[in-house]
Amino acid sequence: TEILFKVQFATSDIPLNLKQEKFAAIKDADFYKLNNSLKYTSGKFVSLKDALAHQAMLRDKGFKDCFVIALKNGQRMDLAEARKITGQ
């Protein structure tokens, strides 16, 4: 039951083409579905500190509204709870 931290950078009702130039900075792109929306993420970190550094880099690249999320077994979970469980 590994907890992973990722940076969510976009939400869309339709699939995004991550090969577009504006997504060039996105590494380890992935997405998960929540209701009818696709939530796009970048990175895959066990360390919250590394995820926050990745978030800062993405913000510098123009993804101003991106934020860190926590996933456990592929399901999004509360970030504060993830921090408590991982001791970060």
Protein backbone atom coordinates (compact mmCIF):
# COMPACT_ATOMS: atom_id res chain seq x y z
CA THR A 1 0.00 0.00 0.00
CA GLU A 2 2.47 2.58 -1.21
CA ILE A 3 1.43 6.20 -1.06
CA LEU A 4 2.55 8.26 -4.06
CA PHE A 5 2.59 12.00 -4.53
CA LYS A 6 1.89 13.48 -7.96
CA VAL A 7 1.32 16.97 -9.31
CA GLN A 8 -2.10 17.53 -10.86
CA PHE A 9 -1.84 20.05 -13.68
CA ALA A 10 -5.10 19.79 -15.64
CA THR A 11 -8.71 18.65 -15.53
CA SER A 12 -10.67 17.99 -18.70
CA ASP A 13 -13.94 16.44 -19.83
CA ILE A 14 -12.23 15.23 -23.01
CA PRO A 15 -8.85 13.50 -23.46
CA LEU A 16 -5.92 15.89 -23.82
CA ASN A 17 -3.15 15.46 -26.40
CA LEU A 18 -0.09 15.44 -24.15
CA LYS A 19 2.19 15.56 -27.20
CA GLN A 20 1.28 19.22 -27.72
CA GLU A 21 4.12 21.73 -27.24
CA LYS A 22 2.50 23.29 -24.15
CA PHE A 23 2.87 19.94 -22.34
CA ALA A 24 6.60 19.55 -23.16
CA ALA A 25 7.57 20.04 -19.48
CA ILE A 26 5.30 17.21 -18.32
CA LYS A 27 7.22 14.11 -17.20
CA ASP A 28 5.62 10.80 -16.19
CA ALA A 29 2.21 11.98 -17.44
CA ASP A 30 -0.78 10.05 -16.21
CA PHE A 31 -4.45 10.62 -15.47
CA TYR A 32 -7.22 9.29 -13.29
CA LYS A 33 -10.98 9.57 -13.66
CA LEU A 34 -13.16 11.26 -11.10
CA ASN A 35 -16.85 11.31 -11.95
CA ASN A 36 -16.86 12.36 -15.62
CA SER A 37 -13.60 14.31 -15.53
CA LEU A 38 -10.06 13.31 -16.44
CA LYS A 39 -7.50 14.57 -13.92
CA TYR A 40 -4.00 14.83 -15.42
CA THR A 41 -0.91 14.35 -13.28
CA SER A 42 2.85 14.59 -13.67
CA GLY A 43 5.56 12.80 -11.74
CA LYS A 44 5.45 9.91 -9.29
CA PHE A 45 7.13 10.54 -5.95
CA VAL A 46 7.34 8.78 -2.59
CA SER A 47 8.72 12.00 -1.12
CA LEU A 48 6.39 14.97 -0.67
CA LYS A 49 9.45 17.25 -0.84
CA ASP A 50 10.27 15.95 -4.33
CA ALA A 51 6.65 16.42 -5.42
CA LEU A 52 6.69 20.03 -4.16
CA ALA A 53 9.92 20.69 -6.08
CA HIS A 54 8.28 19.26 -9.23
CA GLN A 55 5.24 21.47 -8.61
CA ALA A 56 7.49 24.55 -8.42
CA MET A 57 9.17 23.57 -11.71
CA LEU A 58 5.79 23.10 -13.43
CA ARG A 59 4.59 26.47 -12.13
CA ASP A 60 7.73 28.04 -13.62
CA LYS A 61 6.80 26.36 -16.94
CA GLY A 62 3.35 27.99 -16.92
CA PHE A 63 1.14 25.52 -15.04
CA LYS A 64 0.27 28.13 -12.40
CA ASP A 65 -2.68 26.25 -10.86
CA CYS A 66 -0.99 22.86 -10.43
CA PHE A 67 -1.05 21.23 -7.01
CA VAL A 68 0.23 18.13 -5.21
CA ILE A 69 -2.10 15.19 -4.65
CA ALA A 70 -1.65 11.89 -2.83
CA LEU A 71 -2.67 8.49 -4.17
CA LYS A 72 -2.89 5.18 -2.36
CA ASN A 73 -3.42 2.09 -4.51
CA GLY A 74 -4.28 4.42 -7.40
CA GLN A 75 -7.05 6.17 -5.48
CA ARG A 76 -6.78 9.79 -4.48
CA MET A 77 -6.61 10.37 -0.76
CA ASP A 78 -6.48 13.33 1.61
CA LEU A 79 -3.07 15.02 1.43
CA ALA A 80 -2.96 15.74 5.18
CA GLU A 81 -3.70 12.07 5.92
CA ALA A 82 -0.98 10.98 3.47
CA ARG A 83 1.52 13.28 5.18
CA LYS A 84 0.60 11.82 8.57
CA ILE A 85 0.88 8.19 7.38
CA THR A 86 4.23 8.81 5.65
CA GLY A 87 5.58 11.05 8.41
CA GLN A 88 6.25 13.93 6.01
